[in-house]
Amino acid sequence: MIILAAVIGALGSYLYKSGADAVDGTVISYLASVRILTGAACYVGVMVLFVAAYRVGGGLTVLYPVYATTFIFAAIIALFAYGTPIRLVNIGGMALLVFGMYLMGRQ
């Protein structure tokens, strides 16, 4: 559930960014943007998945670090959507995230 939440969270970030690029800067344009509203719905979905994961017994110290994979998924989306390169330092940060998740999940 949390990996799905991470993917949806990264998608929500992409929708916020693409929505912000498409509006004219007025409050009405933000409120009327389908992309921004869909991004907000993604974040609501993330919270629903968090609550469900906690409800079935997931611990905060395990689930929240796994949610940090949102940054990995966001980098991949940015690569394909905007051509933002993933540099060696980014890969190093991603590796540290994964290693940290491993350490947090150990009993």
N, C-alpha and C. Protein backbone atom coordinates (compact mmCIF):
# COMPACT_ATOMS: atom_id res chain seq x y z
N MET A 1 0.83 -1.20 0.00
CA MET A 1 0.00 0.00 0.00
C MET A 1 0.87 1.26 0.00
N ILE A 2 1.98 1.20 0.73
CA ILE A 2 2.82 2.39 0.84
C ILE A 2 3.60 2.64 -0.45
N ILE A 3 4.03 1.59 -1.12
CA ILE A 3 4.69 1.79 -2.42
C ILE A 3 3.70 2.42 -3.41
N LEU A 4 2.47 1.95 -3.41
CA LEU A 4 1.44 2.56 -4.25
C LEU A 4 1.23 4.02 -3.86
N ALA A 5 1.22 4.30 -2.56
CA ALA A 5 1.08 5.68 -2.09
C ALA A 5 2.25 6.53 -2.59
N ALA A 6 3.46 5.95 -2.60
CA ALA A 6 4.63 6.69 -3.08
C ALA A 6 4.50 7.03 -4.57
N VAL A 7 4.02 6.08 -5.35
CA VAL A 7 3.83 6.33 -6.79
C VAL A 7 2.76 7.39 -7.00
N ILE A 8 1.66 7.27 -6.27
CA ILE A 8 0.58 8.25 -6.40
C ILE A 8 1.04 9.63 -5.92
N GLY A 9 1.84 9.67 -4.86
CA GLY A 9 2.38 10.94 -4.38
C GLY A 9 3.28 11.60 -5.41
N ALA A 10 4.13 10.80 -6.08
CA ALA A 10 4.99 11.35 -7.13
C ALA A 10 4.15 11.84 -8.30
N LEU A 11 3.12 11.11 -8.65
CA LEU A 11 2.22 11.53 -9.72
C LEU A 11 1.52 12.83 -9.33
N GLY A 12 1.11 12.95 -8.06
CA GLY A 12 0.50 14.18 -7.59
C GLY A 12 1.44 15.37 -7.72
N SER A 13 2.71 15.16 -7.40
CA SER A 13 3.71 16.23 -7.55
C SER A 13 3.85 16.65 -9.01
N TYR A 14 3.89 15.66 -9.90
CA TYR A 14 3.96 15.96 -11.34
C TYR A 14 2.73 16.77 -11.77
N LEU A 15 1.56 16.37 -11.31
CA LEU A 15 0.34 17.08 -11.69
C LEU A 15 0.33 18.50 -11.15
N TYR A 16 0.83 18.70 -9.93
CA TYR A 16 0.96 20.06 -9.40
C TYR A 16 1.88 20.90 -10.28
N LYS A 17 3.03 20.33 -10.66
CA LYS A 17 4.00 21.06 -11.47
C LYS A 17 3.42 21.37 -12.85
N SER A 18 2.86 20.37 -13.51
CA SER A 18 2.33 20.62 -14.85
C SER A 18 1.12 21.55 -14.79
N GLY A 19 0.33 21.46 -13.73
CA GLY A 19 -0.80 22.38 -13.55
C GLY A 19 -0.33 23.80 -13.32
N ALA A 20 0.70 23.96 -12.50
CA ALA A 20 1.24 25.29 -12.23
C ALA A 20 1.84 25.91 -13.49
N ASP A 21 2.42 25.09 -14.35
CA ASP A 21 2.97 25.59 -15.61
C ASP A 21 1.88 26.08 -16.56
N ALA A 22 0.66 25.55 -16.40
CA ALA A 22 -0.41 25.85 -17.35
C ALA A 22 -1.34 26.98 -16.91
N VAL A 23 -1.25 27.43 -15.66
CA VAL A 23 -2.17 28.46 -15.18
C VAL A 23 -1.56 29.85 -15.36
N ASP A 24 -2.43 30.87 -15.22
CA ASP A 24 -1.97 32.25 -15.42
C ASP A 24 -1.59 32.95 -14.13
N GLY A 25 -1.68 32.26 -12.99
CA GLY A 25 -1.25 32.84 -11.73
C GLY A 25 -2.37 33.42 -10.87
N THR A 26 -3.58 33.44 -11.37
CA THR A 26 -4.69 33.93 -10.57
C THR A 26 -5.24 32.80 -9.70
N VAL A 27 -5.88 33.18 -8.62
CA VAL A 27 -6.45 32.18 -7.71
C VAL A 27 -7.47 31.33 -8.44
N ILE A 28 -8.28 31.96 -9.26
CA ILE A 28 -9.32 31.22 -10.00
C ILE A 28 -8.69 30.18 -10.92
N SER A 29 -7.59 30.54 -11.58
CA SER A 29 -6.96 29.58 -12.49
C SER A 29 -6.40 28.38 -11.73
N TYR A 30 -5.90 28.61 -10.50
CA TYR A 30 -5.43 27.49 -9.68
C TYR A 30 -6.59 26.59 -9.27
N LEU A 31 -7.67 27.21 -8.85
CA LEU A 31 -8.83 26.44 -8.39
C LEU A 31 -9.55 25.72 -9.52
N ALA A 32 -9.42 26.22 -10.74
CA ALA A 32 -10.11 25.62 -11.88
C ALA A 32 -9.22 24.64 -12.66
N SER A 33 -7.97 24.51 -12.28
CA SER A 33 -7.05 23.64 -13.01
C SER A 33 -7.34 22.17 -12.71
N VAL A 34 -7.67 21.43 -13.73
CA VAL A 34 -7.95 20.00 -13.58
C VAL A 34 -6.70 19.28 -13.08
N ARG A 35 -5.54 19.66 -13.59
CA ARG A 35 -4.30 19.00 -13.17
C ARG A 35 -4.03 19.25 -11.69
N ILE A 36 -4.18 20.47 -11.24
CA ILE A 36 -3.93 20.77 -9.82
C ILE A 36 -4.95 20.06 -8.94
N LEU A 37 -6.21 20.05 -9.35
CA LEU A 37 -7.23 19.35 -8.58
C LEU A 37 -6.98 17.84 -8.55
N THR A 38 -6.53 17.29 -9.67
CA THR A 38 -6.21 15.86 -9.71
C THR A 38 -5.00 15.56 -8.83
N GLY A 39 -4.02 16.47 -8.82
CA GLY A 39 -2.88 16.32 -7.93
C GLY A 39 -3.31 16.31 -6.47
N ALA A 40 -4.23 17.20 -6.12
CA ALA A 40 -4.75 17.22 -4.75
C ALA A 40 -5.48 15.92 -4.43
N ALA A 41 -6.22 15.40 -5.39
CA ALA A 41 -6.91 14.12 -5.19
C ALA A 41 -5.90 12.99 -4.98
N CYS A 42 -4.78 13.06 -5.67
CA CYS A 42 -3.72 12.07 -5.46
C CYS A 42 -3.24 12.09 -4.02
N TYR A 43 -3.05 13.29 -3.48
CA TYR A 43 -2.58 13.38 -2.09
C TYR A 43 -3.63 12.90 -1.10
N VAL A 44 -4.89 13.09 -1.41
CA VAL A 44 -5.94 12.51 -0.56
C VAL A 44 -5.86 10.99 -0.62
N GLY A 45 -5.65 10.45 -1.82
CA GLY A 45 -5.47 9.01 -1.98
C GLY A 45 -4.28 8.48 -1.19
N VAL A 46 -3.21 9.24 -1.18
CA VAL A 46 -2.02 8.86 -0.40
C VAL A 46 -2.39 8.73 1.07
N MET A 47 -3.11 9.71 1.58
CA MET A 47 -3.47 9.68 3.00
C MET A 47 -4.40 8.50 3.31
N VAL A 48 -5.30 8.19 2.40
CA VAL A 48 -6.19 7.04 2.60
C VAL A 48 -5.35 5.76 2.67
N LEU A 49 -4.37 5.63 1.76
CA LEU A 49 -3.51 4.44 1.78
C LEU A 49 -2.67 4.38 3.06
N PHE A 50 -2.21 5.53 3.55
CA PHE A 50 -1.46 5.56 4.80
C PHE A 50 -2.33 5.04 5.95
N VAL A 51 -3.53 5.56 6.05
CA VAL A 51 -4.43 5.14 7.13
C VAL A 51 -4.70 3.65 7.03
N ALA A 52 -4.96 3.15 5.83
CA ALA A 52 -5.21 1.72 5.64
C ALA A 52 -3.99 0.89 6.04
N ALA A 53 -2.80 1.34 5.68
CA ALA A 53 -1.59 0.60 6.02
C ALA A 53 -1.36 0.58 7.53
N TYR A 54 -1.61 1.72 8.19
CA TYR A 54 -1.48 1.75 9.64
C TYR A 54 -2.53 0.86 10.30
N ARG A 55 -3.70 0.85 9.72
CA ARG A 55 -4.81 0.07 10.28
C ARG A 55 -4.51 -1.42 10.27
N VAL A 56 -3.83 -1.90 9.24
CA VAL A 56 -3.52 -3.33 9.17
C VAL A 56 -2.24 -3.69 9.92
N GLY A 57 -1.70 -2.74 10.67
CA GLY A 57 -0.60 -3.06 11.55
C GLY A 57 0.76 -2.52 11.17
N GLY A 58 0.83 -1.71 10.12
CA GLY A 58 2.12 -1.14 9.73
C GLY A 58 2.61 -0.15 10.76
N GLY A 59 3.92 -0.17 10.99
CA GLY A 59 4.51 0.75 11.96
C GLY A 59 5.04 1.99 11.27
N LEU A 60 5.00 3.09 11.97
CA LEU A 60 5.46 4.37 11.43
C LEU A 60 6.92 4.31 11.01
N THR A 61 7.76 3.64 11.81
CA THR A 61 9.19 3.60 11.48
C THR A 61 9.51 2.73 10.28
N VAL A 62 8.57 1.92 9.84
CA VAL A 62 8.77 1.11 8.64
C VAL A 62 8.07 1.76 7.45
N LEU A 63 6.82 2.16 7.63
CA LEU A 63 6.04 2.66 6.50
C LEU A 63 6.52 4.00 5.98
N TYR A 64 6.83 4.93 6.86
CA TYR A 64 7.20 6.26 6.39
C TYR A 64 8.51 6.26 5.61
N PRO A 65 9.53 5.52 6.04
CA PRO A 65 10.74 5.46 5.19
C PRO A 65 10.47 4.86 3.82
N VAL A 66 9.58 3.90 3.72
CA VAL A 66 9.24 3.34 2.40
C VAL A 66 8.57 4.41 1.54
N TYR A 67 7.78 5.28 2.17
CA TYR A 67 7.14 6.36 1.42
C TYR A 67 8.17 7.31 0.82
N ALA A 68 9.37 7.33 1.38
CA ALA A 68 10.44 8.19 0.84
C ALA A 68 10.80 7.82 -0.60
N THR A 69 10.37 6.63 -1.05
CA THR A 69 10.61 6.28 -2.45
C THR A 69 9.86 7.22 -3.40
N THR A 70 8.98 8.05 -2.86
CA THR A 70 8.31 9.07 -3.67
C THR A 70 9.35 9.89 -4.44
N PHE A 71 10.47 10.19 -3.78
CA PHE A 71 11.51 10.99 -4.42
C PHE A 71 12.13 10.26 -5.61
N ILE A 72 12.24 8.94 -5.52
CA ILE A 72 12.77 8.15 -6.62
C ILE A 72 11.77 8.17 -7.78
N PHE A 73 10.51 7.92 -7.48
CA PHE A 73 9.49 7.92 -8.53
C PHE A 73 9.34 9.31 -9.16
N ALA A 74 9.46 10.36 -8.36
CA ALA A 74 9.37 11.73 -8.89
C ALA A 74 10.53 12.01 -9.85
N ALA A 75 11.72 11.52 -9.52
CA ALA A 75 12.87 11.72 -10.41
C ALA A 75 12.66 11.00 -11.74
N ILE A 76 12.09 9.82 -11.69
CA ILE A 76 11.82 9.07 -12.93
C ILE A 76 10.75 9.77 -13.76
N ILE A 77 9.70 10.25 -13.12
CA ILE A 77 8.66 11.00 -13.84
C ILE A 77 9.25 12.25 -14.46
N ALA A 78 10.09 12.98 -13.71
CA ALA A 78 10.71 14.20 -14.23
C ALA A 78 11.61 13.90 -15.41
N LEU A 79 12.29 12.76 -15.39
CA LEU A 79 13.14 12.36 -16.51
C LEU A 79 12.31 12.20 -17.78
N PHE A 80 11.20 11.48 -17.68
CA PHE A 80 10.38 11.23 -18.87
C PHE A 80 9.51 12.42 -19.27
N ALA A 81 9.00 13.16 -18.29
CA ALA A 81 8.09 14.26 -18.60
C ALA A 81 8.81 15.53 -19.01
N TYR A 82 9.96 15.80 -18.38
CA TYR A 82 10.64 17.07 -18.61
C TYR A 82 12.08 16.93 -19.11
N GLY A 83 12.55 15.70 -19.20
CA GLY A 83 13.92 15.49 -19.62
C GLY A 83 14.95 15.87 -18.56
N THR A 84 14.51 15.97 -17.31
CA THR A 84 15.42 16.30 -16.21
C THR A 84 16.37 15.12 -15.99
N PRO A 85 17.67 15.37 -16.13
CA PRO A 85 18.60 14.24 -16.00
C PRO A 85 18.69 13.73 -14.56
N ILE A 86 18.93 12.44 -14.44
CA ILE A 86 19.21 11.84 -13.14
C ILE A 86 20.72 11.66 -13.09
N ARG A 87 21.35 12.46 -12.26
CA ARG A 87 22.81 12.47 -12.18
C ARG A 87 23.31 11.45 -11.16
N LEU A 88 24.62 11.25 -11.18
CA LEU A 88 25.23 10.30 -10.26
C LEU A 88 24.93 10.64 -8.81
N VAL A 89 24.93 11.92 -8.47
CA VAL A 89 24.62 12.32 -7.10
C VAL A 89 23.17 11.98 -6.74
N ASN A 90 22.27 12.07 -7.71
CA ASN A 90 20.87 11.67 -7.47
C ASN A 90 20.77 10.17 -7.22
N ILE A 91 21.51 9.41 -8.02
CA ILE A 91 21.50 7.95 -7.84
C ILE A 91 22.08 7.59 -6.47
N GLY A 92 23.12 8.33 -6.05
CA GLY A 92 23.68 8.11 -4.71
C GLY A 92 22.64 8.38 -3.63
N GLY A 93 21.89 9.46 -3.77
CA GLY A 93 20.83 9.77 -2.82
C GLY A 93 19.75 8.71 -2.80
N MET A 94 19.40 8.21 -3.99
CA MET A 94 18.39 7.15 -4.07
C MET A 94 18.89 5.88 -3.38
N ALA A 95 20.16 5.57 -3.59
CA ALA A 95 20.74 4.38 -2.94
C ALA A 95 20.72 4.55 -1.42
N LEU A 96 21.02 5.75 -0.94
CA LEU A 96 20.97 6.00 0.51
C LEU A 96 19.54 5.84 1.04
N LEU A 97 18.55 6.29 0.26
CA LEU A 97 17.15 6.10 0.67
C LEU A 97 16.82 4.62 0.82
N VAL A 98 17.20 3.85 -0.19
CA VAL A 98 16.90 2.42 -0.16
C VAL A 98 17.64 1.74 0.99
N PHE A 99 18.90 2.10 1.20
CA PHE A 99 19.67 1.53 2.30
C PHE A 99 19.06 1.93 3.64
N GLY A 100 18.62 3.16 3.76
CA GLY A 100 17.97 3.61 4.98
C GLY A 100 16.67 2.85 5.24
N MET A 101 15.92 2.58 4.18
CA MET A 101 14.69 1.80 4.34
C MET A 101 15.02 0.40 4.83
N TYR A 102 16.09 -0.17 4.29
CA TYR A 102 16.53 -1.49 4.72
C TYR A 102 16.86 -1.47 6.21
N LEU A 103 17.65 -0.48 6.62
CA LEU A 103 18.04 -0.40 8.03
C LEU A 103 16.84 -0.18 8.94
N MET A 104 15.90 0.68 8.53
CA MET A 104 14.72 0.96 9.35
C MET A 104 13.82 -0.28 9.47
N GLY A 105 13.81 -1.12 8.44
CA GLY A 105 12.95 -2.29 8.44
C GLY A 105 13.51 -3.49 9.17
N ARG A 106 14.79 -3.43 9.51
CA ARG A 106 15.40 -4.56 10.22
C ARG A 106 14.86 -4.65 11.64
N GLN A 107 14.69 -5.82 12.10
CA GLN A 107 14.19 -6.02 13.46
C GLN A 107 15.32 -6.10 14.45
